[in-house]
Protein backbone atom coordinates (compact mmCIF):
# COMPACT_ATOMS: atom_id res chain seq x y z
CA MET A 1 102.98 6.50 -45.62
CA LYS A 2 99.77 5.66 -43.77
CA GLY A 3 97.71 7.13 -46.60
CA LEU A 4 99.61 5.10 -49.22
CA LEU A 5 99.05 1.91 -47.25
CA LYS A 6 95.34 2.64 -46.96
CA LYS A 7 95.15 3.34 -50.69
CA ASP A 8 96.81 0.02 -51.53
CA LEU A 9 94.59 -1.90 -49.12
CA TYR A 10 91.48 -0.35 -50.68
CA MET A 11 92.79 -1.18 -54.16
CA ALA A 12 93.62 -4.74 -53.13
CA TRP A 13 90.07 -5.21 -51.91
CA ALA A 14 88.53 -3.55 -54.96
CA TYR A 15 90.66 -5.00 -57.76
CA SER A 16 92.52 -8.03 -56.37
CA LYS A 17 89.78 -10.07 -54.71
CA ILE A 18 90.73 -13.06 -56.87
CA VAL A 19 94.24 -12.99 -55.42
CA LEU A 20 92.84 -12.86 -51.88
CA ILE A 21 90.42 -15.70 -52.65
CA MET A 22 93.23 -17.80 -54.15
CA LEU A 23 95.31 -17.12 -51.07
CA ALA A 24 92.54 -18.29 -48.73
CA VAL A 25 91.90 -21.41 -50.84
CA PHE A 26 95.56 -22.42 -50.99
CA LEU A 27 95.98 -21.82 -47.27
CA LEU A 28 93.19 -24.30 -46.62
CA VAL A 29 94.41 -26.76 -49.25
CA SER A 30 97.96 -26.64 -47.93
CA PHE A 31 96.71 -27.50 -44.44
CA PHE A 32 94.86 -30.59 -45.63
CA SER A 33 97.37 -31.59 -48.31
CA GLY A 34 99.71 -33.54 -46.11
CA ASP A 35 103.37 -32.76 -46.77
CA SER A 36 103.27 -31.32 -50.29
CA LEU A 37 105.98 -28.65 -50.46
CA PHE A 38 104.41 -27.02 -53.49
CA LEU A 39 101.08 -26.45 -51.75
CA MET A 40 102.81 -25.30 -48.57
CA LEU A 41 104.95 -22.70 -50.33
CA TYR A 42 102.56 -21.53 -53.05
CA PRO A 43 100.53 -19.28 -50.67
CA VAL A 44 103.74 -17.30 -50.12
CA VAL A 45 104.06 -16.92 -53.89
CA ILE A 46 100.46 -15.70 -54.16
CA CYS A 47 101.02 -13.26 -51.32
CA SER A 48 104.06 -11.80 -53.05
CA MET A 49 101.98 -11.24 -56.20
CA LEU A 50 99.86 -8.63 -54.42
CA PRO A 51 102.38 -5.73 -54.45
CA VAL A 52 103.24 -6.53 -58.08
CA THR A 53 99.55 -6.44 -59.03
CA LEU A 54 99.10 -3.12 -57.25
CA LEU A 55 102.12 -1.70 -59.07
CA SER A 56 100.42 -2.63 -62.34
CA TYR A 57 97.24 -0.79 -61.32
CA ASP A 58 99.28 2.24 -60.21
CA GLU A 59 100.83 2.48 -63.65
CA ARG A 60 97.54 1.85 -65.45
CA PHE A 61 95.81 4.63 -63.52
CA ARG A 62 98.85 6.90 -63.87
CA TRP A 63 99.18 7.07 -60.10
CA ASN A 64 102.97 7.39 -60.45
CA VAL A 65 102.58 10.53 -62.56
CA TYR A 66 100.12 11.97 -60.05
CA CYS A 67 102.52 11.29 -57.19
CA ASP A 68 105.28 13.14 -59.01
CA ALA A 69 103.08 16.23 -58.90
CA LEU A 70 102.82 15.95 -55.11
CA PRO A 71 105.44 16.78 -52.48
CA LEU A 72 105.90 13.04 -52.05
CA PRO A 73 109.43 11.65 -52.54
CA ARG A 74 109.72 8.59 -54.72
CA SER A 75 111.63 6.94 -51.90
CA VAL A 76 108.44 6.99 -49.81
CA GLN A 77 106.47 5.35 -52.63
CA VAL A 78 109.05 2.56 -52.88
CA THR A 79 109.25 2.12 -49.12
CA GLU A 80 105.48 1.76 -48.87
CA LYS A 81 105.44 -1.10 -51.40
CA TYR A 82 108.23 -2.88 -49.51
CA LEU A 83 106.38 -2.36 -46.24
CA LEU A 84 103.23 -3.80 -47.81
CA THR A 85 105.26 -6.80 -48.98
CA LEU A 86 106.54 -7.33 -45.43
CA LEU A 87 103.11 -6.99 -43.87
CA SER A 88 101.35 -9.32 -46.30
CA GLY A 89 104.22 -11.81 -46.11
CA ALA A 90 104.17 -11.74 -42.31
CA VAL A 91 100.42 -12.47 -42.21
CA VAL A 92 100.76 -15.46 -44.54
CA PHE A 93 103.88 -16.67 -42.74
CA ILE A 94 102.06 -16.64 -39.37
CA LEU A 95 99.01 -18.43 -40.78
CA LEU A 96 101.16 -21.10 -42.45
CA ALA A 97 103.33 -21.50 -39.35
CA LEU A 98 100.24 -22.02 -37.19
CA ALA A 99 98.61 -24.43 -39.64
CA HIS A 100 101.64 -26.65 -40.18
CA GLY A 101 102.89 -26.31 -36.62
CA ILE A 102 99.64 -27.92 -35.50
CA ARG A 103 100.39 -30.86 -37.81
CA LEU A 104 104.13 -31.28 -37.42
CA LEU A 105 105.03 -30.33 -33.85
CA PRO A 106 102.76 -32.82 -32.03
CA ALA A 107 104.31 -35.55 -34.21
CA GLY A 108 107.78 -34.64 -32.94
CA ARG A 109 108.89 -33.24 -36.31
CA THR A 110 110.38 -30.04 -34.94
CA ASP A 111 113.36 -30.00 -37.32
CA ASP A 112 111.08 -30.49 -40.34
CA PHE A 113 108.95 -27.61 -39.12
CA LEU A 114 111.93 -25.26 -38.66
CA VAL A 115 113.38 -26.13 -42.07
CA LEU A 116 109.96 -25.48 -43.62
CA LEU A 117 109.82 -22.10 -41.90
CA SER A 118 113.29 -21.32 -43.28
CA MET A 119 112.07 -22.03 -46.82
CA MET A 120 109.04 -19.81 -46.26
CA VAL A 121 111.34 -16.98 -45.17
CA LEU A 122 113.44 -17.55 -48.28
CA PHE A 123 110.41 -17.24 -50.55
CA ALA A 124 108.89 -14.32 -48.62
CA LEU A 125 112.02 -12.13 -48.49
CA VAL A 126 114.58 -13.18 -51.07
CA SER A 127 112.29 -13.67 -54.07
CA PRO A 128 110.55 -10.26 -53.83
CA GLY A 129 113.91 -8.75 -52.98
CA LEU A 130 115.36 -10.04 -56.25
CA ILE A 131 112.52 -8.99 -58.52
CA LEU A 132 111.10 -5.74 -57.10
CA PRO A 133 114.04 -3.56 -58.22
CA PHE A 134 113.36 -4.61 -61.82
CA MET A 135 109.69 -3.75 -61.35
CA PHE A 136 110.60 -0.23 -60.29
CA LYS A 137 113.22 0.14 -63.01
CA LEU A 138 111.34 -1.35 -65.98
CA GLY A 139 107.74 -1.02 -64.88
CA PRO A 140 105.45 -3.83 -63.69
CA GLU A 141 104.31 -4.91 -67.16
CA LYS A 142 107.82 -5.53 -68.44
CA GLY A 143 108.94 -6.94 -65.11
CA ARG A 144 106.01 -9.31 -64.67
CA LEU A 145 107.54 -12.02 -66.87
CA ALA A 146 110.77 -11.87 -64.90
CA TYR A 147 108.69 -12.09 -61.71
CA PHE A 148 106.97 -15.33 -62.69
CA LEU A 149 110.18 -16.80 -64.08
CA MET A 150 111.95 -16.02 -60.81
CA PHE A 151 109.33 -17.67 -58.63
CA GLY A 152 108.94 -20.63 -60.94
CA LEU A 153 112.68 -21.22 -61.12
CA LEU A 154 113.11 -20.92 -57.38
CA LEU A 155 110.26 -23.31 -56.69
CA VAL A 156 111.62 -25.87 -59.18
CA VAL A 157 115.11 -25.61 -57.70
CA VAL A 158 113.82 -26.05 -54.15
CA ILE A 159 111.74 -29.10 -55.10
CA LEU A 160 114.62 -30.66 -57.07
CA LEU A 161 117.07 -30.13 -54.23
CA THR A 162 114.82 -31.14 -51.37
CA GLY A 163 112.05 -33.30 -52.81
CA ARG A 164 108.31 -32.94 -53.14
CA THR A 165 107.27 -33.41 -49.54
CA VAL A 166 108.38 -32.24 -46.11
CA GLU A 167 109.68 -35.74 -45.37
CA ASP A 168 112.14 -35.32 -48.26
CA LEU A 169 113.71 -32.25 -46.65
CA PRO A 170 117.33 -32.62 -45.56
CA GLN A 171 117.65 -33.69 -41.95
CA VAL A 172 119.20 -30.68 -40.27
CA SER A 173 120.24 -30.50 -36.65
CA GLY A 174 119.98 -27.06 -35.15
CA GLY A 175 116.94 -26.07 -37.17
CA LEU A 176 116.54 -22.90 -35.09
CA ALA A 177 120.01 -21.72 -36.13
CA LEU A 178 119.10 -22.40 -39.77
CA LEU A 179 115.91 -20.37 -39.39
CA LEU A 180 117.74 -17.45 -37.79
CA GLY A 181 120.46 -17.59 -40.45
CA THR A 182 117.88 -17.61 -43.23
CA LEU A 183 116.07 -14.70 -41.60
CA VAL A 184 119.29 -12.64 -41.40
CA PHE A 185 120.21 -13.49 -45.01
CA GLY A 186 116.70 -12.69 -46.24
CA ALA A 187 116.69 -9.38 -44.33
CA LEU A 188 120.02 -8.35 -45.87
CA VAL A 189 118.78 -9.15 -49.38
CA PHE A 190 115.50 -7.35 -48.76
CA VAL A 191 117.14 -4.19 -47.38
CA GLY A 192 119.66 -4.15 -50.23
CA SER A 193 116.81 -4.57 -52.70
CA TRP A 194 114.91 -1.69 -51.10
CA ARG A 195 117.87 0.65 -51.43
CA LEU A 196 118.47 -0.40 -55.04
CA SER A 197 114.78 0.10 -55.91
CA ILE A 198 114.89 3.64 -54.50
CA ARG A 199 117.98 4.45 -56.56
CA TRP A 200 116.55 3.03 -59.79
CA TYR A 201 113.08 4.52 -59.31
CA ASP A 202 114.52 7.97 -58.65
CA LYS A 203 116.23 7.82 -62.05
CA ARG A 204 113.22 6.47 -63.96
CA GLU A 205 111.37 8.79 -66.35
CA PHE A 206 107.67 8.44 -67.14
C-alpha cells in the first residue's frame, strides 16, 4: 500500500502538475473571491480529479496488467486509490476550512461556515463515491464523461437550490449537527462505493 501511494504521488508530480497548479490558483482565488460558492467548491472538484487522472495514466501505461502479474490483490489497488482520494480531499478541505474560517468566523457567520463545510464534505465524499465504481468497472476513459457530468450536475443543483453566494445558503440552526450528519452520510456512501469498486474491479477483464 505504501509503495502504491508513493508511485501515485510521484506520478502526480510528474504528469499532473497542471492539476496541482490549478488547485493552488483556485485556492487563492476562492479566498479573495468573497462569497462565491462556485469558487469555494471548485477546488474540491479539482482535487477529486487527481485519482481519476492517475487511473487514466495507469491504464495508458498498462500498470493494471503489470499488477495482475504480481502477488497484489486488486482489492489493494482499489483501496489505495480511495485512500489517495481521502488524503487529497482532506488536505484541500483543511486548507479551505482555514481560509474561509478566517473570513467568516470573525464576522459571526458560524452557521454559514458550518453549512459551507457540509457542502465541501458532500463534494469530497459523495461525488467520488458515486463515480469511482464506474471508473473501475468501465475504465477511466469511458468513465471520464460520467465523472464530469456528475460533478457538473451536482454543482448546478447545489447552486440552484442554495444560490450563488454563501449569503444565499439556507439559514440552518444547529450547523454542527448538519456537518456531522453530512459527514456520516458521506462516509457511508464512500465505504459502500469502495466495496462496490472492489467487487466490480475483481470481475473486470483486461
